Structures are given as structure tokens and as C-alpha cells.
C-alpha atoms as a PDB file:
ATOM      1  CA  UNK A   1     -26.274  28.322  33.399  1.00  0.00           C
ATOM      2  CA  UNK A   2     -24.196  24.739  33.135  1.00  0.00           C
ATOM      3  CA  UNK A   3     -22.111  26.060  30.494  1.00  0.00           C
ATOM      4  CA  UNK A   4     -21.055  29.053  32.515  1.00  0.00           C
ATOM      5  CA  UNK A   5     -20.245  27.257  35.920  1.00  0.00           C
ATOM      6  CA  UNK A   6     -17.339  24.874  33.800  1.00  0.00           C
ATOM      7  CA  UNK A   7     -17.048  28.115  31.852  1.00  0.00           C
ATOM      8  CA  UNK A   8     -15.776  29.949  35.297  1.00  0.00           C
ATOM      9  CA  UNK A   9     -13.948  26.211  36.658  1.00  0.00           C
ATOM     10  CA  UNK A  10     -11.488  26.873  33.818  1.00  0.00           C
ATOM     11  CA  UNK A  11     -10.527  30.340  34.560  1.00  0.00           C
ATOM     12  CA  UNK A  12     -10.174  28.803  38.123  1.00  0.00           C
ATOM     13  CA  UNK A  13      -8.032  26.295  37.133  1.00  0.00           C
ATOM     14  CA  UNK A  14      -6.636  26.388  34.384  1.00  0.00           C
ATOM     15  CA  UNK A  15      -3.390  24.049  34.952  1.00  0.00           C
ATOM     16  CA  UNK A  16      -6.318  21.288  35.640  1.00  0.00           C
ATOM     17  CA  UNK A  17      -7.444  21.616  32.577  1.00  0.00           C
ATOM     18  CA  UNK A  18      -3.887  21.866  30.627  1.00  0.00           C
ATOM     19  CA  UNK A  19      -3.216  18.730  33.138  1.00  0.00           C
ATOM     20  CA  UNK A  20      -6.522  16.597  31.896  1.00  0.00           C
ATOM     21  CA  UNK A  21      -5.666  18.094  28.414  1.00  0.00           C
ATOM     22  CA  UNK A  22      -1.802  16.391  28.750  1.00  0.00           C
ATOM     23  CA  UNK A  23      -2.760  12.596  30.546  1.00  0.00           C
ATOM     24  CA  UNK A  24      -5.116  12.642  27.223  1.00  0.00           C
ATOM     25  CA  UNK A  25      -3.018  13.323  24.930  1.00  0.00           C
ATOM     26  CA  UNK A  26      -0.679  10.532  26.116  1.00  0.00           C
ATOM     27  CA  UNK A  27      -3.046   8.218  26.450  1.00  0.00           C
ATOM     28  CA  UNK A  28      -4.368   8.445  23.126  1.00  0.00           C
ATOM     29  CA  UNK A  29      -1.132   8.677  22.241  1.00  0.00           C
ATOM     30  CA  UNK A  30       0.428   5.659  23.688  1.00  0.00           C
ATOM     31  CA  UNK A  31      -2.345   3.755  21.810  1.00  0.00           C
ATOM     32  CA  UNK A  32      -1.244   4.949  18.381  1.00  0.00           C
ATOM     33  CA  UNK A  33       0.939   2.288  18.029  1.00  0.00           C
ATOM     34  CA  UNK A  34      -1.765  -0.399  18.629  1.00  0.00           C
ATOM     35  CA  UNK A  35      -3.497   1.311  14.944  1.00  0.00           C
ATOM     36  CA  UNK A  36      -3.360  -1.127  12.123  1.00  0.00           C
ATOM     37  CA  UNK A  37      -3.886   0.644   8.997  1.00  0.00           C
ATOM     38  CA  UNK A  38      -4.881  -2.231   5.368  1.00  0.00           C
ATOM     39  CA  UNK A  39      -4.141  -0.634   2.757  1.00  0.00           C
ATOM     40  CA  UNK A  40      -4.485  -3.486   0.233  1.00  0.00           C
ATOM     41  CA  UNK A  41      -7.088  -3.969  -1.789  1.00  0.00           C
ATOM     42  CA  UNK A  42      -8.615  -6.489  -2.195  1.00  0.00           C
ATOM     43  CA  UNK A  43      -9.256  -5.948   1.555  1.00  0.00           C
ATOM     44  CA  UNK A  44     -11.244  -3.414   0.253  1.00  0.00           C
ATOM     45  CA  UNK A  45     -14.616  -5.243  -0.951  1.00  0.00           C
ATOM     46  CA  UNK A  46     -16.996  -7.726   1.092  1.00  0.00           C
ATOM     47  CA  UNK A  47     -15.726 -11.086   0.549  1.00  0.00           C
ATOM     48  CA  UNK A  48     -18.971 -12.262  -1.097  1.00  0.00           C
ATOM     49  CA  UNK A  49     -18.235  -9.912  -3.723  1.00  0.00           C
ATOM     50  CA  UNK A  50     -18.511 -10.928  -7.536  1.00  0.00           C
ATOM     51  CA  UNK A  51     -15.856  -9.431  -8.394  1.00  0.00           C
ATOM     52  CA  UNK A  52     -13.484 -10.269  -5.824  1.00  0.00           C
ATOM     53  CA  UNK A  53     -14.514 -13.596  -5.419  1.00  0.00           C
ATOM     54  CA  UNK A  54     -14.291 -13.711  -9.165  1.00  0.00           C
ATOM     55  CA  UNK A  55     -10.319 -11.839  -8.998  1.00  0.00           C
ATOM     56  CA  UNK A  56      -9.315 -15.049  -5.889  1.00  0.00           C
ATOM     57  CA  UNK A  57     -10.964 -17.022  -8.562  1.00  0.00           C
ATOM     58  CA  UNK A  58      -8.252 -16.509 -11.512  1.00  0.00           C
ATOM     59  CA  UNK A  59      -5.520 -16.124  -8.834  1.00  0.00           C
ATOM     60  CA  UNK A  60      -5.783 -19.493  -8.028  1.00  0.00           C
ATOM     61  CA  UNK A  61      -6.814 -20.927 -11.441  1.00  0.00           C
ATOM     62  CA  UNK A  62      -3.658 -18.975 -13.070  1.00  0.00           C
ATOM     63  CA  UNK A  63      -0.847 -19.057  -9.869  1.00  0.00           C
ATOM     64  CA  UNK A  64      -1.144 -15.685  -9.743  1.00  0.00           C
ATOM     65  CA  UNK A  65      -0.735 -14.381  -6.157  1.00  0.00           C
ATOM     66  CA  UNK A  66       2.881 -12.652  -6.113  1.00  0.00           C
ATOM     67  CA  UNK A  67       2.591  -9.298  -8.767  1.00  0.00           C
ATOM     68  CA  UNK A  68       5.031  -6.771  -9.730  1.00  0.00           C
ATOM     69  CA  UNK A  69       4.182  -2.786 -10.089  1.00  0.00           C
ATOM     70  CA  UNK A  70       6.897  -1.068 -12.008  1.00  0.00           C
ATOM     71  CA  UNK A  71       6.361   2.528 -12.762  1.00  0.00           C
ATOM     72  CA  UNK A  72       8.432   4.539 -15.759  1.00  0.00           C
ATOM     73  CA  UNK A  73       8.068   7.787 -16.775  1.00  0.00           C
ATOM     74  CA  UNK A  74      10.189   9.270 -20.059  1.00  0.00           C
ATOM     75  CA  UNK A  75      10.332  12.806 -19.577  1.00  0.00           C
ATOM     76  CA  UNK A  76      12.330  12.736 -22.717  1.00  0.00           C
ATOM     77  CA  UNK A  77      10.523  12.205 -25.401  1.00  0.00           C
ATOM     78  CA  UNK A  78       7.068  14.723 -25.826  1.00  0.00           C
ATOM     79  CA  UNK A  79       5.190  11.512 -25.902  1.00  0.00           C
ATOM     80  CA  UNK A  80       6.164  10.075 -22.806  1.00  0.00           C
ATOM     81  CA  UNK A  81       6.266   6.845 -22.139  1.00  0.00           C
ATOM     82  CA  UNK A  82       4.542   6.193 -25.074  1.00  0.00           C
ATOM     83  CA  UNK A  83       6.824   5.955 -27.917  1.00  0.00           C
ATOM     84  CA  UNK A  84       8.293   2.991 -30.175  1.00  0.00           C
ATOM     85  CA  UNK A  85      11.669   3.004 -27.715  1.00  0.00           C
ATOM     86  CA  UNK A  86      10.151   2.808 -24.528  1.00  0.00           C
ATOM     87  CA  UNK A  87       7.865   0.921 -25.214  1.00  0.00           C
ATOM     88  CA  UNK A  88      10.202  -1.534 -26.936  1.00  0.00           C
ATOM     89  CA  UNK A  89      12.536  -1.352 -23.249  1.00  0.00           C
ATOM     90  CA  UNK A  90       8.514  -2.039 -21.676  1.00  0.00           C
ATOM     91  CA  UNK A  91       8.520  -4.865 -23.887  1.00  0.00           C
ATOM     92  CA  UNK A  92      11.750  -6.615 -22.971  1.00  0.00           C
ATOM     93  CA  UNK A  93      11.243  -5.869 -19.220  1.00  0.00           C
ATOM     94  CA  UNK A  94       7.995  -7.679 -19.634  1.00  0.00           C
ATOM     95  CA  UNK A  95       8.986 -10.447 -21.001  1.00  0.00           C
ATOM     96  CA  UNK A  96      12.493 -11.570 -18.657  1.00  0.00           C
ATOM     97  CA  UNK A  97      10.832 -10.899 -15.519  1.00  0.00           C
ATOM     98  CA  UNK A  98       8.242 -13.392 -16.692  1.00  0.00           C
ATOM     99  CA  UNK A  99      11.225 -15.703 -17.621  1.00  0.00           C
ATOM    100  CA  UNK A 100      12.320 -15.875 -14.248  1.00  0.00           C
ATOM    101  CA  UNK A 101      13.480 -18.930 -12.693  1.00  0.00           C
ATOM    102  CA  UNK A 102      14.956 -19.527  -8.758  1.00  0.00           C
ATOM    103  CA  UNK A 103      18.372 -21.469  -9.418  1.00  0.00           C
ATOM    104  CA  UNK A 104      19.377 -24.471  -7.501  1.00  0.00           C
ATOM    105  CA  UNK A 105      20.411 -21.668  -5.112  1.00  0.00           C
ATOM    106  CA  UNK A 106      16.886 -20.649  -5.144  1.00  0.00           C
ATOM    107  CA  UNK A 107      17.753 -16.916  -6.573  1.00  0.00           C
ATOM    108  CA  UNK A 108      15.885 -15.518  -9.056  1.00  0.00           C
ATOM    109  CA  UNK A 109      17.813 -16.147 -12.582  1.00  0.00           C
ATOM    110  CA  UNK A 110      16.338 -14.341 -16.470  1.00  0.00           C
ATOM    111  CA  UNK A 111      16.096 -17.389 -18.250  1.00  0.00           C
ATOM    112  CA  UNK A 112      16.879 -16.783 -22.409  1.00  0.00           C
ATOM    113  CA  UNK A 113      16.288 -19.358 -24.805  1.00  0.00           C
ATOM    114  CA  UNK A 114      15.902 -21.830 -22.018  1.00  0.00           C
ATOM    115  CA  UNK A 115      19.201 -20.828 -20.878  1.00  0.00           C
ATOM    116  CA  UNK A 116      19.863 -18.685 -17.895  1.00  0.00           C
END
């Protein structure tokens, strides 16, 4: 019987229902800027999770706090990126990234044979 009463009210006063729906939409929409997403993989595990503790120890021990992820695609070769030429280029790029040092101004420079 209660459902029938709610249905009857909705049919008799549709603008009240539309107004309530609109008010709720605005209310929830106003909260949207407060929503935050943490998509850092490190934070997806508990602080005391063994692998996270080990990962933090390795980062601290080897001073690994910055990382770069590079995606490489080779659609021209039948083996994709797994060919001598592309892997050679990846090796050169990796060595250059490892050799980056800050110059006197603070900008990164590639060091070759100990010289910029």
C-alpha cells in the first residue's frame, strides 16, 4: 500500500520529483571536485605488506626515487621491438638516461665519456 501511495504522489506531483532529482544531482555534482583518485601502485598495498616493505628498502638502499616509463613500439619490423636495430636503439637510450647529470645551471645533460 505504501508503494502505491508513493507512485500516486509521483504521478500527481511530477515537478516535485523532478526538482528533488535535480537538487540531488546538483548536490552530488558539487561534491565531485572533492573526489580524489590515488592510482599510485605503491599505495595499493598495505604499509606493512612484505613486498611493499622490501620495495621501500630497495629504493632507499639504491637511492631509486625517480623513475621513467617509456613505451616503445615498432610496427615496421615483423618482430616488433624485438630486433637487433630497435634493441640497439633502446640500449643507447637507456645508457643516455642513466648518464644524465645536472649541469651548473641545474638542467639535465647527457654525459658521454665523462663529459657533457
